Structures are given as C-alpha cells and as structure tokens.
Amino acid sequence: MLAVKKGSDIALLEFSDVFMLRVEDKQVKVYTENAEYLIKKPLYQVEETLNNDFVRISKTTIVNLRKIERVAPSLKGMMFIQLKNGLKDNISRKYLPDFKNALDL
C-alpha cells in the first residue's frame, strides 16, 4: 500500500493501481488510471518500498511494468514508453539496461 495525498485527503493505493511515479515541480506525483496524487517522500525512499513490478526509467521516473502498453525506439539511443492510461515518457540510456533486464529482454 502507498499513502498518498489529493488536496487535504489521504488515500491508500494498492501498488497494482499505480501506473507511474514522477518528480514534477520538486514534488513526487503518483499516477493511477484516472487520477494523480502527491506523496511527501523523495522518490528514492518510495522506490525502496515498491515491489518488483516497478522499475526506474530515468532520474525522475519509476513505472509499473504491468501497466506498459508499448515501448519503442526514441532519440539518441533512448526508448519511448507508453502506459495503458496514455502517459508517455522516455527511458534514459542510463536506466535502459535495468529496464530490459526487468522485462527479461
């Protein structure tokens, strides 16, 4: 479970409901299928609590492998990722080997 905030409300999310965690405007945002939440902890601390379904794809982003719709080549050796809820991001070259390893590629 992941404790997150939306406004003044606190919600408990199942890991399986989380699509992506990303640092934006110095805050960690947690994305689900239809909503986004904030979490107080820094990304590296949240990463320690996540299960093996999650992998870091850049310095600022962690994704749920089970929520990936497609992966495609992008610019300069990077890969592009699209999640089932429409969110998109790039997998940086630094994290690409770990990403491929997590997918057994």
C-alpha atoms as a PDB file:
ATOM      1  CA  MET A   1       0.000   0.000   0.000  1.00  0.00           C
ATOM      2  CA  LEU A   2       1.107   3.536  -0.737  1.00  0.00           C
ATOM      3  CA  ALA A   3      -0.201   6.502   1.286  1.00  0.00           C
ATOM      4  CA  VAL A   4      -0.791   9.500  -0.990  1.00  0.00           C
ATOM      5  CA  LYS A   5      -2.477  12.892  -0.804  1.00  0.00           C
ATOM      6  CA  LYS A   6      -5.028  14.593  -3.011  1.00  0.00           C
ATOM      7  CA  GLY A   7      -5.757  18.029  -1.646  1.00  0.00           C
ATOM      8  CA  SER A   8      -6.322  17.539   2.066  1.00  0.00           C
ATOM      9  CA  ASP A   9      -7.453  13.920   1.636  1.00  0.00           C
ATOM     10  CA  ILE A  10      -5.174  10.957   2.219  1.00  0.00           C
ATOM     11  CA  ALA A  11      -5.717   7.829   0.148  1.00  0.00           C
ATOM     12  CA  LEU A  12      -4.170   4.370   0.337  1.00  0.00           C
ATOM     13  CA  LEU A  13      -3.339   2.964  -3.079  1.00  0.00           C
ATOM     14  CA  GLU A  14      -2.592  -0.632  -3.916  1.00  0.00           C
ATOM     15  CA  PHE A  15       0.708  -0.970  -5.803  1.00  0.00           C
ATOM     16  CA  SER A  16      -1.277  -2.591  -8.627  1.00  0.00           C
ATOM     17  CA  ASP A  17      -3.254   0.660  -9.091  1.00  0.00           C
ATOM     18  CA  VAL A  18      -0.126   2.782  -9.580  1.00  0.00           C
ATOM     19  CA  PHE A  19       0.955   3.411 -13.176  1.00  0.00           C
ATOM     20  CA  MET A  20       3.844   5.842 -12.681  1.00  0.00           C
ATOM     21  CA  LEU A  21       5.675   7.915 -10.089  1.00  0.00           C
ATOM     22  CA  ARG A  22       7.387  11.039 -11.374  1.00  0.00           C
ATOM     23  CA  VAL A  23       9.097  14.078  -9.873  1.00  0.00           C
ATOM     24  CA  GLU A  24       7.462  17.264 -11.161  1.00  0.00           C
ATOM     25  CA  ASP A  25       7.978  20.737  -9.706  1.00  0.00           C
ATOM     26  CA  LYS A  26      10.056  19.246  -6.866  1.00  0.00           C
ATOM     27  CA  GLN A  27       7.139  17.031  -5.801  1.00  0.00           C
ATOM     28  CA  VAL A  28       6.605  13.309  -6.326  1.00  0.00           C
ATOM     29  CA  LYS A  29       3.394  12.705  -8.261  1.00  0.00           C
ATOM     30  CA  VAL A  30       1.739   9.296  -8.276  1.00  0.00           C
ATOM     31  CA  TYR A  31      -0.372   8.496 -11.341  1.00  0.00           C
ATOM     32  CA  THR A  32      -3.183   5.955 -11.418  1.00  0.00           C
ATOM     33  CA  GLU A  33      -5.524   5.183 -14.320  1.00  0.00           C
ATOM     34  CA  ASN A  34      -7.644   8.330 -13.894  1.00  0.00           C
ATOM     35  CA  ALA A  35      -6.054  10.419 -11.130  1.00  0.00           C
ATOM     36  CA  GLU A  36      -2.848  11.907  -9.819  1.00  0.00           C
ATOM     37  CA  TYR A  37      -1.747  12.231  -6.219  1.00  0.00           C
ATOM     38  CA  LEU A  38       1.170  13.666  -4.287  1.00  0.00           C
ATOM     39  CA  ILE A  39       3.477  11.843  -1.940  1.00  0.00           C
ATOM     40  CA  LYS A  40       5.693  13.559   0.627  1.00  0.00           C
ATOM     41  CA  LYS A  41       8.694  11.223   0.494  1.00  0.00           C
ATOM     42  CA  PRO A  42      11.519  11.679  -2.014  1.00  0.00           C
ATOM     43  CA  LEU A  43      11.426   9.302  -4.981  1.00  0.00           C
ATOM     44  CA  TYR A  44      14.365   7.172  -3.812  1.00  0.00           C
ATOM     45  CA  GLN A  45      12.593   6.461  -0.491  1.00  0.00           C
ATOM     46  CA  VAL A  46       9.373   5.496  -2.250  1.00  0.00           C
ATOM     47  CA  GLU A  47      11.359   3.266  -4.611  1.00  0.00           C
ATOM     48  CA  GLU A  48      12.622   1.228  -1.631  1.00  0.00           C
ATOM     49  CA  THR A  49       9.035   0.315  -0.651  1.00  0.00           C
ATOM     50  CA  LEU A  50       7.852  -0.735  -4.126  1.00  0.00           C
ATOM     51  CA  ASN A  51       7.654  -4.337  -5.314  1.00  0.00           C
ATOM     52  CA  ASN A  52       9.379  -5.929  -8.325  1.00  0.00           C
ATOM     53  CA  ASP A  53       6.668  -4.717 -10.719  1.00  0.00           C
ATOM     54  CA  PHE A  54       8.292  -1.267 -10.642  1.00  0.00           C
ATOM     55  CA  VAL A  55      11.433  -0.133 -12.425  1.00  0.00           C
ATOM     56  CA  ARG A  56      13.156   3.223 -12.651  1.00  0.00           C
ATOM     57  CA  ILE A  57      13.356   4.514 -16.224  1.00  0.00           C
ATOM     58  CA  SER A  58      15.021   7.875 -15.527  1.00  0.00           C
ATOM     59  CA  LYS A  59      16.350  10.001 -12.710  1.00  0.00           C
ATOM     60  CA  THR A  60      12.838  11.348 -12.132  1.00  0.00           C
ATOM     61  CA  THR A  61      10.502   8.487 -13.123  1.00  0.00           C
ATOM     62  CA  ILE A  62       9.507   4.994 -11.968  1.00  0.00           C
ATOM     63  CA  VAL A  63       6.922   2.940 -13.880  1.00  0.00           C
ATOM     64  CA  ASN A  64       4.830  -0.135 -13.178  1.00  0.00           C
ATOM     65  CA  LEU A  65       5.899  -2.795 -15.691  1.00  0.00           C
ATOM     66  CA  ARG A  66       2.391  -4.279 -15.670  1.00  0.00           C
ATOM     67  CA  LYS A  67       0.921  -1.002 -16.949  1.00  0.00           C
ATOM     68  CA  ILE A  68       3.095  -0.660 -20.063  1.00  0.00           C
ATOM     69  CA  GLU A  69       1.217  -0.596 -23.342  1.00  0.00           C
ATOM     70  CA  ARG A  70       4.188  -0.247 -25.682  1.00  0.00           C
ATOM     71  CA  VAL A  71       7.895   0.515 -25.871  1.00  0.00           C
ATOM     72  CA  ALA A  72       9.546   1.945 -28.980  1.00  0.00           C
ATOM     73  CA  PRO A  73      12.921   3.392 -30.016  1.00  0.00           C
ATOM     74  CA  SER A  74      13.312   7.126 -29.446  1.00  0.00           C
ATOM     75  CA  LEU A  75      16.020   9.730 -29.946  1.00  0.00           C
ATOM     76  CA  LYS A  76      19.743   9.224 -29.295  1.00  0.00           C
ATOM     77  CA  GLY A  77      19.603   5.620 -28.142  1.00  0.00           C
ATOM     78  CA  MET A  78      16.771   6.177 -25.701  1.00  0.00           C
ATOM     79  CA  MET A  79      13.499   4.270 -25.671  1.00  0.00           C
ATOM     80  CA  PHE A  80       9.990   5.703 -25.545  1.00  0.00           C
ATOM     81  CA  ILE A  81       7.357   4.193 -23.259  1.00  0.00           C
ATOM     82  CA  GLN A  82       3.582   4.494 -23.301  1.00  0.00           C
ATOM     83  CA  LEU A  83       1.418   3.315 -20.425  1.00  0.00           C
ATOM     84  CA  LYS A  84      -2.109   1.903 -20.674  1.00  0.00           C
ATOM     85  CA  ASN A  85      -3.560   5.146 -19.280  1.00  0.00           C
ATOM     86  CA  GLY A  86      -1.941   7.216 -22.061  1.00  0.00           C
ATOM     87  CA  LEU A  87       1.022   8.576 -20.073  1.00  0.00           C
ATOM     88  CA  LYS A  88       4.263   8.751 -22.020  1.00  0.00           C
ATOM     89  CA  ASP A  89       7.911   9.135 -21.054  1.00  0.00           C
ATOM     90  CA  ASN A  90      11.410   8.326 -22.237  1.00  0.00           C
ATOM     91  CA  ILE A  91      13.641   5.625 -20.811  1.00  0.00           C
ATOM     92  CA  SER A  92      17.067   7.185 -20.433  1.00  0.00           C
ATOM     93  CA  ARG A  93      20.123   5.309 -21.688  1.00  0.00           C
ATOM     94  CA  LYS A  94      21.479   5.035 -18.138  1.00  0.00           C
ATOM     95  CA  TYR A  95      18.426   3.051 -16.978  1.00  0.00           C
ATOM     96  CA  LEU A  96      17.781   1.107 -20.206  1.00  0.00           C
ATOM     97  CA  PRO A  97      19.851  -1.975 -19.211  1.00  0.00           C
ATOM     98  CA  ASP A  98      17.930  -2.284 -15.910  1.00  0.00           C
ATOM     99  CA  PHE A  99      14.636  -1.831 -17.764  1.00  0.00           C
ATOM    100  CA  LYS A 100      15.486  -4.532 -20.309  1.00  0.00           C
ATOM    101  CA  ASN A 101      16.642  -6.815 -17.517  1.00  0.00           C
ATOM    102  CA  ALA A 102      13.338  -6.308 -15.663  1.00  0.00           C
ATOM    103  CA  LEU A 103      11.496  -7.357 -18.832  1.00  0.00           C
ATOM    104  CA  ASP A 104      13.879 -10.296 -19.415  1.00  0.00           C
ATOM    105  CA  LEU A 105      14.977  -8.851 -22.788  1.00  0.00           C
END
